[in-house]
Amino acid sequence: MNIAEVQVNLNQTEIRSYIDQKLEDQLKDAFFTWDIEQMSKRTCMSKSFLENEFLHDPRMKLLERRKERGKRFWFYEESKEVMKQIMDEW
């Protein structure tokens, strides 16, 4: 005896977009600053590539914070926007 038949159609692109947006919202809440380790993980780029292509750019240098000979940090939101600008210039 077949009581009901359910068929679900999912739009994979919309689901991926929704998940990406939710992750981005969570990252905004979680990150105030990030270091090169987190930057490398979040962007899927090597540290050397980040150094060569992004971190030597004067716009990123303005966002860099560190004490003398200390660990370097960048403001998350601002540096992410600068990275987008740099990538748009390629």
PDB file of N, CA and C in Angstrom:
ATOM      1  N   MET A   1       0.837  -1.171   0.000  1.00  0.00           N
ATOM      2  CA  MET A   1       0.000   0.000   0.000  1.00  0.00           C
ATOM      3  C   MET A   1       0.891   1.246   0.000  1.00  0.00           C
ATOM      4  N   ASN A   2       0.815   2.045  -1.036  1.00  0.00           N
ATOM      5  CA  ASN A   2       1.604   3.257  -1.204  1.00  0.00           C
ATOM      6  C   ASN A   2       0.741   4.455  -0.822  1.00  0.00           C
ATOM      7  N   ILE A   3       1.053   5.056   0.343  1.00  0.00           N
ATOM      8  CA  ILE A   3       0.239   6.157   0.849  1.00  0.00           C
ATOM      9  C   ILE A   3       0.577   7.485   0.164  1.00  0.00           C
ATOM     10  N   ALA A   4       1.898   7.758   0.042  1.00  0.00           N
ATOM     11  CA  ALA A   4       2.291   9.036  -0.549  1.00  0.00           C
ATOM     12  C   ALA A   4       3.613   8.892  -1.282  1.00  0.00           C
ATOM     13  N   GLU A   5       3.769   9.694  -2.267  1.00  0.00           N
ATOM     14  CA  GLU A   5       5.029   9.746  -2.996  1.00  0.00           C
ATOM     15  C   GLU A   5       5.514  11.194  -2.957  1.00  0.00           C
ATOM     16  N   VAL A   6       6.749  11.387  -2.472  1.00  0.00           N
ATOM     17  CA  VAL A   6       7.297  12.729  -2.334  1.00  0.00           C
ATOM     18  C   VAL A   6       8.479  12.876  -3.281  1.00  0.00           C
ATOM     19  N   GLN A   7       8.470  13.966  -4.024  1.00  0.00           N
ATOM     20  CA  GLN A   7       9.573  14.254  -4.933  1.00  0.00           C
ATOM     21  C   GLN A   7      10.081  15.654  -4.615  1.00  0.00           C
ATOM     22  N   VAL A   8      11.401  15.774  -4.433  1.00  0.00           N
ATOM     23  CA  VAL A   8      12.005  17.059  -4.084  1.00  0.00           C
ATOM     24  C   VAL A   8      13.019  17.428  -5.152  1.00  0.00           C
ATOM     25  N   ASN A   9      12.891  18.618  -5.711  1.00  0.00           N
ATOM     26  CA  ASN A   9      13.853  19.140  -6.669  1.00  0.00           C
ATOM     27  C   ASN A   9      14.629  20.263  -6.000  1.00  0.00           C
ATOM     28  N   LEU A  10      15.944  20.146  -6.022  1.00  0.00           N
ATOM     29  CA  LEU A  10      16.797  21.132  -5.365  1.00  0.00           C
ATOM     30  C   LEU A  10      17.650  21.861  -6.393  1.00  0.00           C
ATOM     31  N   ASN A  11      17.795  23.152  -6.209  1.00  0.00           N
ATOM     32  CA  ASN A  11      18.661  23.956  -7.046  1.00  0.00           C
ATOM     33  C   ASN A  11      20.027  24.025  -6.351  1.00  0.00           C
ATOM     34  N   GLN A  12      20.992  23.272  -6.845  1.00  0.00           N
ATOM     35  CA  GLN A  12      22.300  23.178  -6.209  1.00  0.00           C
ATOM     36  C   GLN A  12      23.007  24.530  -6.149  1.00  0.00           C
ATOM     37  N   THR A  13      22.855  25.336  -7.175  1.00  0.00           N
ATOM     38  CA  THR A  13      23.511  26.649  -7.198  1.00  0.00           C
ATOM     39  C   THR A  13      22.963  27.545  -6.104  1.00  0.00           C
ATOM     40  N   GLU A  14      21.657  27.549  -5.934  1.00  0.00           N
ATOM     41  CA  GLU A  14      21.040  28.369  -4.899  1.00  0.00           C
ATOM     42  C   GLU A  14      21.433  27.881  -3.503  1.00  0.00           C
ATOM     43  N   ILE A  15      21.494  26.597  -3.322  1.00  0.00           N
ATOM     44  CA  ILE A  15      21.897  26.037  -2.032  1.00  0.00           C
ATOM     45  C   ILE A  15      23.332  26.428  -1.712  1.00  0.00           C
ATOM     46  N   ARG A  16      24.225  26.307  -2.693  1.00  0.00           N
ATOM     47  CA  ARG A  16      25.633  26.669  -2.498  1.00  0.00           C
ATOM     48  C   ARG A  16      25.765  28.157  -2.165  1.00  0.00           C
ATOM     49  N   SER A  17      25.020  28.986  -2.873  1.00  0.00           N
ATOM     50  CA  SER A  17      25.047  30.426  -2.631  1.00  0.00           C
ATOM     51  C   SER A  17      24.562  30.746  -1.210  1.00  0.00           C
ATOM     52  N   TYR A  18      23.494  30.093  -0.806  1.00  0.00           N
ATOM     53  CA  TYR A  18      22.947  30.303   0.533  1.00  0.00           C
ATOM     54  C   TYR A  18      23.956  29.896   1.607  1.00  0.00           C
ATOM     55  N   ILE A  19      24.583  28.745   1.433  1.00  0.00           N
ATOM     56  CA  ILE A  19      25.574  28.260   2.399  1.00  0.00           C
ATOM     57  C   ILE A  19      26.777  29.193   2.449  1.00  0.00           C
ATOM     58  N   ASP A  20      27.256  29.617   1.285  1.00  0.00           N
ATOM     59  CA  ASP A  20      28.386  30.547   1.237  1.00  0.00           C
ATOM     60  C   ASP A  20      28.070  31.848   1.956  1.00  0.00           C
ATOM     61  N   GLN A  21      26.864  32.353   1.763  1.00  0.00           N
ATOM     62  CA  GLN A  21      26.472  33.601   2.415  1.00  0.00           C
ATOM     63  C   GLN A  21      26.406  33.432   3.927  1.00  0.00           C
ATOM     64  N   LYS A  22      25.860  32.326   4.379  1.00  0.00           N
ATOM     65  CA  LYS A  22      25.782  32.074   5.819  1.00  0.00           C
ATOM     66  C   LYS A  22      27.177  31.929   6.426  1.00  0.00           C
ATOM     67  N   LEU A  23      28.070  31.245   5.730  1.00  0.00           N
ATOM     68  CA  LEU A  23      29.445  31.122   6.211  1.00  0.00           C
ATOM     69  C   LEU A  23      30.129  32.478   6.278  1.00  0.00           C
ATOM     70  N   GLU A  24      29.933  33.282   5.268  1.00  0.00           N
ATOM     71  CA  GLU A  24      30.521  34.619   5.245  1.00  0.00           C
ATOM     72  C   GLU A  24      29.988  35.465   6.401  1.00  0.00           C
ATOM     73  N   ASP A  25      28.697  35.370   6.669  1.00  0.00           N
ATOM     74  CA  ASP A  25      28.112  36.099   7.794  1.00  0.00           C
ATOM     75  C   ASP A  25      28.735  35.661   9.117  1.00  0.00           C
ATOM     76  N   GLN A  26      28.945  34.366   9.268  1.00  0.00           N
ATOM     77  CA  GLN A  26      29.560  33.859  10.489  1.00  0.00           C
ATOM     78  C   GLN A  26      31.009  34.326  10.624  1.00  0.00           C
ATOM     79  N   LEU A  27      31.744  34.338   9.505  1.00  0.00           N
ATOM     80  CA  LEU A  27      33.128  34.803   9.545  1.00  0.00           C
ATOM     81  C   LEU A  27      33.203  36.278   9.921  1.00  0.00           C
ATOM     82  N   LYS A  28      32.272  37.071   9.410  1.00  0.00           N
ATOM     83  CA  LYS A  28      32.259  38.499   9.757  1.00  0.00           C
ATOM     84  C   LYS A  28      32.104  38.674  11.255  1.00  0.00           C
ATOM     85  N   ASP A  29      31.257  37.857  11.851  1.00  0.00           N
ATOM     86  CA  ASP A  29      31.048  37.936  13.291  1.00  0.00           C
ATOM     87  C   ASP A  29      32.240  37.399  14.070  1.00  0.00           C
ATOM     88  N   ALA A  30      32.939  36.421  13.498  1.00  0.00           N
ATOM     89  CA  ALA A  30      34.024  35.755  14.217  1.00  0.00           C
ATOM     90  C   ALA A  30      35.357  36.486  14.097  1.00  0.00           C
ATOM     91  N   PHE A  31      35.614  37.104  12.957  1.00  0.00           N
ATOM     92  CA  PHE A  31      36.921  37.708  12.715  1.00  0.00           C
ATOM     93  C   PHE A  31      36.878  39.225  12.806  1.00  0.00           C
ATOM     94  N   PHE A  32      37.743  39.762  13.624  1.00  0.00           N
ATOM     95  CA  PHE A  32      38.027  41.191  13.638  1.00  0.00           C
ATOM     96  C   PHE A  32      39.322  41.406  12.868  1.00  0.00           C
ATOM     97  N   THR A  33      40.294  40.554  13.164  1.00  0.00           N
ATOM     98  CA  THR A  33      41.564  40.553  12.447  1.00  0.00           C
ATOM     99  C   THR A  33      41.889  39.131  12.039  1.00  0.00           C
ATOM    100  N   TRP A  34      42.846  38.994  11.126  1.00  0.00           N
ATOM    101  CA  TRP A  34      43.356  37.679  10.764  1.00  0.00           C
ATOM    102  C   TRP A  34      44.830  37.804  10.476  1.00  0.00           C
ATOM    103  N   ASP A  35      45.532  36.687  10.643  1.00  0.00           N
ATOM    104  CA  ASP A  35      46.964  36.656  10.366  1.00  0.00           C
ATOM    105  C   ASP A  35      47.196  35.914   9.058  1.00  0.00           C
ATOM    106  N   ILE A  36      48.445  35.782   8.677  1.00  0.00           N
ATOM    107  CA  ILE A  36      48.743  35.149   7.392  1.00  0.00           C
ATOM    108  C   ILE A  36      48.336  33.670   7.383  1.00  0.00           C
ATOM    109  N   GLU A  37      48.359  33.015   8.540  1.00  0.00           N
ATOM    110  CA  GLU A  37      47.930  31.608   8.609  1.00  0.00           C
ATOM    111  C   GLU A  37      46.452  31.484   8.262  1.00  0.00           C
ATOM    112  N   GLN A  38      45.610  32.297   8.909  1.00  0.00           N
ATOM    113  CA  GLN A  38      44.178  32.273   8.634  1.00  0.00           C
ATOM    114  C   GLN A  38      43.883  32.735   7.213  1.00  0.00           C
ATOM    115  N   MET A  39      44.616  33.739   6.776  1.00  0.00           N
ATOM    116  CA  MET A  39      44.432  34.249   5.424  1.00  0.00           C
ATOM    117  C   MET A  39      44.707  33.148   4.404  1.00  0.00           C
ATOM    118  N   SER A  40      45.756  32.391   4.641  1.00  0.00           N
ATOM    119  CA  SER A  40      46.115  31.299   3.743  1.00  0.00           C
ATOM    120  C   SER A  40      45.040  30.221   3.726  1.00  0.00           C
ATOM    121  N   LYS A  41      44.536  29.854   4.889  1.00  0.00           N
ATOM    122  CA  LYS A  41      43.487  28.835   4.978  1.00  0.00           C
ATOM    123  C   LYS A  41      42.194  29.293   4.313  1.00  0.00           C
ATOM    124  N   ARG A  42      41.777  30.515   4.608  1.00  0.00           N
ATOM    125  CA  ARG A  42      40.487  31.019   4.124  1.00  0.00           C
ATOM    126  C   ARG A  42      40.483  31.311   2.627  1.00  0.00           C
ATOM    127  N   THR A  43      41.644  31.657   2.066  1.00  0.00           N
ATOM    128  CA  THR A  43      41.698  31.994   0.646  1.00  0.00           C
ATOM    129  C   THR A  43      42.194  30.839  -0.211  1.00  0.00           C
ATOM    130  N   CYS A  44      42.673  29.765   0.417  1.00  0.00           N
ATOM    131  CA  CYS A  44      43.255  28.629  -0.311  1.00  0.00           C
ATOM    132  C   CYS A  44      44.455  29.063  -1.147  1.00  0.00           C
ATOM    133  N   MET A  45      45.215  29.997  -0.616  1.00  0.00           N
ATOM    134  CA  MET A  45      46.432  30.471  -1.275  1.00  0.00           C
ATOM    135  C   MET A  45      47.600  30.245  -0.342  1.00  0.00           C
ATOM    136  N   SER A  46      48.762  29.955  -0.920  1.00  0.00           N
ATOM    137  CA  SER A  46      49.945  29.731  -0.087  1.00  0.00           C
ATOM    138  C   SER A  46      50.408  31.043   0.543  1.00  0.00           C
ATOM    139  N   LYS A  47      51.138  30.931   1.627  1.00  0.00           N
ATOM    140  CA  LYS A  47      51.654  32.119   2.290  1.00  0.00           C
ATOM    141  C   LYS A  47      52.607  32.891   1.378  1.00  0.00           C
ATOM    142  N   SER A  48      53.423  32.175   0.623  1.00  0.00           N
ATOM    143  CA  SER A  48      54.354  32.870  -0.270  1.00  0.00           C
ATOM    144  C   SER A  48      53.599  33.611  -1.375  1.00  0.00           C
ATOM    145  N   PHE A  49      52.534  33.022  -1.896  1.00  0.00           N
ATOM    146  CA  PHE A  49      51.725  33.704  -2.910  1.00  0.00           C
ATOM    147  C   PHE A  49      51.074  34.948  -2.307  1.00  0.00           C
ATOM    148  N   LEU A  50      50.534  34.829  -1.110  1.00  0.00           N
ATOM    149  CA  LEU A  50      49.941  35.986  -0.445  1.00  0.00           C
ATOM    150  C   LEU A  50      50.969  37.092  -0.263  1.00  0.00           C
ATOM    151  N   GLU A  51      52.156  36.723   0.183  1.00  0.00           N
ATOM    152  CA  GLU A  51      53.234  37.711   0.372  1.00  0.00           C
ATOM    153  C   GLU A  51      53.534  38.421  -0.937  1.00  0.00           C
ATOM    154  N   ASN A  52      53.727  37.653  -1.992  1.00  0.00           N
ATOM    155  CA  ASN A  52      54.150  38.219  -3.274  1.00  0.00           C
ATOM    156  C   ASN A  52      53.059  39.032  -3.962  1.00  0.00           C
ATOM    157  N   GLU A  53      51.826  38.555  -3.907  1.00  0.00           N
ATOM    158  CA  GLU A  53      50.752  39.169  -4.686  1.00  0.00           C
ATOM    159  C   GLU A  53      49.891  40.175  -3.918  1.00  0.00           C
ATOM    160  N   PHE A  54      49.840  40.057  -2.604  1.00  0.00           N
ATOM    161  CA  PHE A  54      48.933  40.902  -1.837  1.00  0.00           C
ATOM    162  C   PHE A  54      49.614  41.726  -0.747  1.00  0.00           C
ATOM    163  N   LEU A  55      50.398  41.097   0.069  1.00  0.00           N
ATOM    164  CA  LEU A  55      50.857  41.744   1.294  1.00  0.00           C
ATOM    165  C   LEU A  55      51.912  42.816   1.077  1.00  0.00           C
ATOM    166  N   HIS A  56      52.526  42.849  -0.079  1.00  0.00           N
ATOM    167  CA  HIS A  56      53.486  43.913  -0.381  1.00  0.00           C
ATOM    168  C   HIS A  56      52.808  45.106  -1.042  1.00  0.00           C
ATOM    169  N   ASP A  57      51.548  44.974  -1.353  1.00  0.00           N
ATOM    170  CA  ASP A  57      50.789  46.066  -1.945  1.00  0.00           C
ATOM    171  C   ASP A  57      50.624  47.174  -0.892  1.00  0.00           C
ATOM    172  N   PRO A  58      50.828  48.441  -1.298  1.00  0.00           N
ATOM    173  CA  PRO A  58      50.715  49.547  -0.334  1.00  0.00           C
ATOM    174  C   PRO A  58      49.363  49.616   0.375  1.00  0.00           C
ATOM    175  N   ARG A  59      48.295  49.199  -0.294  1.00  0.00           N
ATOM    176  CA  ARG A  59      46.969  49.217   0.342  1.00  0.00           C
ATOM    177  C   ARG A  59      46.889  48.228   1.490  1.00  0.00           C
ATOM    178  N   MET A  60      47.528  47.073   1.316  1.00  0.00           N
ATOM    179  CA  MET A  60      47.545  46.083   2.403  1.00  0.00           C
ATOM    180  C   MET A  60      48.506  46.518   3.509  1.00  0.00           C
ATOM    181  N   LYS A  61      49.593  47.163   3.122  1.00  0.00           N
ATOM    182  CA  LYS A  61      50.552  47.651   4.127  1.00  0.00           C
ATOM    183  C   LYS A  61      49.878  48.634   5.077  1.00  0.00           C
ATOM    184  N   LEU A  62      48.952  49.439   4.563  1.00  0.00           N
ATOM    185  CA  LEU A  62      48.240  50.389   5.418  1.00  0.00           C
ATOM    186  C   LEU A  62      47.389  49.687   6.473  1.00  0.00           C
ATOM    187  N   LEU A  63      46.920  48.499   6.166  1.00  0.00           N
ATOM    188  CA  LEU A  63      46.059  47.757   7.089  1.00  0.00           C
ATOM    189  C   LEU A  63      46.839  46.876   8.059  1.00  0.00           C
ATOM    190  N   GLU A  64      48.089  46.648   7.777  1.00  0.00           N
ATOM    191  CA  GLU A  64      48.918  45.754   8.603  1.00  0.00           C
ATOM    192  C   GLU A  64      49.171  46.364   9.976  1.00  0.00           C
ATOM    193  N   ARG A  65      49.023  45.547  11.001  1.00  0.00           N
ATOM    194  CA  ARG A  65      49.287  45.962  12.378  1.00  0.00           C
ATOM    195  C   ARG A  65      50.271  44.976  12.999  1.00  0.00           C
ATOM    196  N   ARG A  66      51.244  45.515  13.699  1.00  0.00           N
ATOM    197  CA  ARG A  66      52.188  44.671  14.420  1.00  0.00           C
ATOM    198  C   ARG A  66      53.007  45.519  15.377  1.00  0.00           C
ATOM    199  N   LYS A  67      53.424  44.901  16.443  1.00  0.00           N
ATOM    200  CA  LYS A  67      54.383  45.538  17.322  1.00  0.00           C
ATOM    201  C   LYS A  67      55.758  45.274  16.731  1.00  0.00           C
ATOM    202  N   GLU A  68      56.745  45.969  17.234  1.00  0.00           N
ATOM    203  CA  GLU A  68      58.091  45.792  16.712  1.00  0.00           C
ATOM    204  C   GLU A  68      58.488  44.318  16.750  1.00  0.00           C
ATOM    205  N   ARG A  69      58.791  43.773  15.578  1.00  0.00           N
ATOM    206  CA  ARG A  69      59.187  42.369  15.406  1.00  0.00           C
ATOM    207  C   ARG A  69      58.126  41.383  15.886  1.00  0.00           C
ATOM    208  N   GLY A  70      56.905  41.817  15.911  1.00  0.00           N
ATOM    209  CA  GLY A  70      55.824  40.952  16.373  1.00  0.00           C
ATOM    210  C   GLY A  70      55.059  40.332  15.218  1.00  0.00           C
ATOM    211  N   LYS A  71      54.066  39.563  15.578  1.00  0.00           N
ATOM    212  CA  LYS A  71      53.206  38.913  14.595  1.00  0.00           C
ATOM    213  C   LYS A  71      52.372  39.964  13.864  1.00  0.00           C
ATOM    214  N   ARG A  72      52.192  39.768  12.570  1.00  0.00           N
ATOM    215  CA  ARG A  72      51.429  40.706  11.754  1.00  0.00           C
ATOM    216  C   ARG A  72      49.952  40.309  11.723  1.00  0.00           C
ATOM    217  N   PHE A  73      49.092  41.314  11.760  1.00  0.00           N
ATOM    218  CA  PHE A  73      47.648  41.139  11.670  1.00  0.00           C
ATOM    219  C   PHE A  73      47.096  42.142  10.679  1.00  0.00           C
ATOM    220  N   TRP A  74      45.952  41.795  10.075  1.00  0.00           N
ATOM    221  CA  TRP A  74      45.235  42.694   9.179  1.00  0.00           C
ATOM    222  C   TRP A  74      43.782  42.711   9.608  1.00  0.00           C
ATOM    223  N   PHE A  75      43.134  43.862   9.461  1.00  0.00           N
ATOM    224  CA  PHE A  75      41.715  43.931   9.730  1.00  0.00           C
ATOM    225  C   PHE A  75      40.993  43.091   8.682  1.00  0.00           C
ATOM    226  N   TYR A  76      40.137  42.219   9.121  1.00  0.00           N
ATOM    227  CA  TYR A  76      39.524  41.223   8.244  1.00  0.00           C
ATOM    228  C   TYR A  76      38.732  41.837   7.098  1.00  0.00           C
ATOM    229  N   GLU A  77      37.715  42.610   7.414  1.00  0.00           N
ATOM    230  CA  GLU A  77      36.823  43.150   6.378  1.00  0.00           C
ATOM    231  C   GLU A  77      37.580  44.033   5.399  1.00  0.00           C
ATOM    232  N   GLU A  78      38.383  44.944   5.932  1.00  0.00           N
ATOM    233  CA  GLU A  78      39.099  45.885   5.078  1.00  0.00           C
ATOM    234  C   GLU A  78      40.098  45.179   4.169  1.00  0.00           C
ATOM    235  N   SER A  79      40.837  44.232   4.721  1.00  0.00           N
ATOM    236  CA  SER A  79      41.841  43.536   3.912  1.00  0.00           C
ATOM    237  C   SER A  79      41.186  42.643   2.861  1.00  0.00           C
ATOM    238  N   LYS A  80      40.056  42.077   3.199  1.00  0.00           N
ATOM    239  CA  LYS A  80      39.331  41.256   2.219  1.00  0.00           C
ATOM    240  C   LYS A  80      38.901  42.115   1.025  1.00  0.00           C
ATOM    241  N   GLU A  81      38.439  43.316   1.286  1.00  0.00           N
ATOM    242  CA  GLU A  81      38.037  44.216   0.212  1.00  0.00           C
ATOM    243  C   GLU A  81      39.236  44.635  -0.642  1.00  0.00           C
ATOM    244  N   VAL A  82      40.359  44.912  -0.009  1.00  0.00           N
ATOM    245  CA  VAL A  82      41.565  45.279  -0.753  1.00  0.00           C
ATOM    246  C   VAL A  82      42.031  44.102  -1.607  1.00  0.00           C
ATOM    247  N   MET A  83      41.945  42.909  -1.080  1.00  0.00           N
ATOM    248  CA  MET A  83      42.333  41.727  -1.854  1.00  0.00           C
ATOM    249  C   MET A  83      41.444  41.577  -3.090  1.00  0.00           C
ATOM    250  N   LYS A  84      40.170  41.855  -2.948  1.00  0.00           N
ATOM    251  CA  LYS A  84      39.261  41.810  -4.104  1.00  0.00           C
ATOM    252  C   LYS A  84      39.675  42.845  -5.146  1.00  0.00           C
ATOM    253  N   GLN A  85      40.016  44.045  -4.684  1.00  0.00           N
ATOM    254  CA  GLN A  85      40.465  45.094  -5.606  1.00  0.00           C
ATOM    255  C   GLN A  85      41.719  44.660  -6.363  1.00  0.00           C
ATOM    256  N   ILE A  86      42.665  44.092  -5.644  1.00  0.00           N
ATOM    257  CA  ILE A  86      43.909  43.641  -6.267  1.00  0.00           C
ATOM    258  C   ILE A  86      43.608  42.556  -7.302  1.00  0.00           C
ATOM    259  N   MET A  87      42.751  41.628  -6.958  1.00  0.00           N
ATOM    260  CA  MET A  87      42.412  40.541  -7.886  1.00  0.00           C
ATOM    261  C   MET A  87      41.693  41.073  -9.127  1.00  0.00           C
ATOM    262  N   ASP A  88      40.893  42.104  -8.967  1.00  0.00           N
ATOM    263  CA  ASP A  88      40.199  42.703 -10.107  1.00  0.00           C
ATOM    264  C   ASP A  88      41.182  43.376 -11.070  1.00  0.00           C
ATOM    265  N   GLU A  89      42.334  43.744 -10.576  1.00  0.00           N
ATOM    266  CA  GLU A  89      43.349  44.404 -11.403  1.00  0.00           C
ATOM    267  C   GLU A  89      44.183  43.409 -12.211  1.00  0.00           C
ATOM    268  N   TRP A  90      44.101  42.137 -11.913  1.00  0.00           N
ATOM    269  CA  TRP A  90      44.924  41.152 -12.623  1.00  0.00           C
ATOM    270  C   TRP A  90      44.514  41.026 -14.051  1.00  0.00           C
TER     271      TRP A  90
END
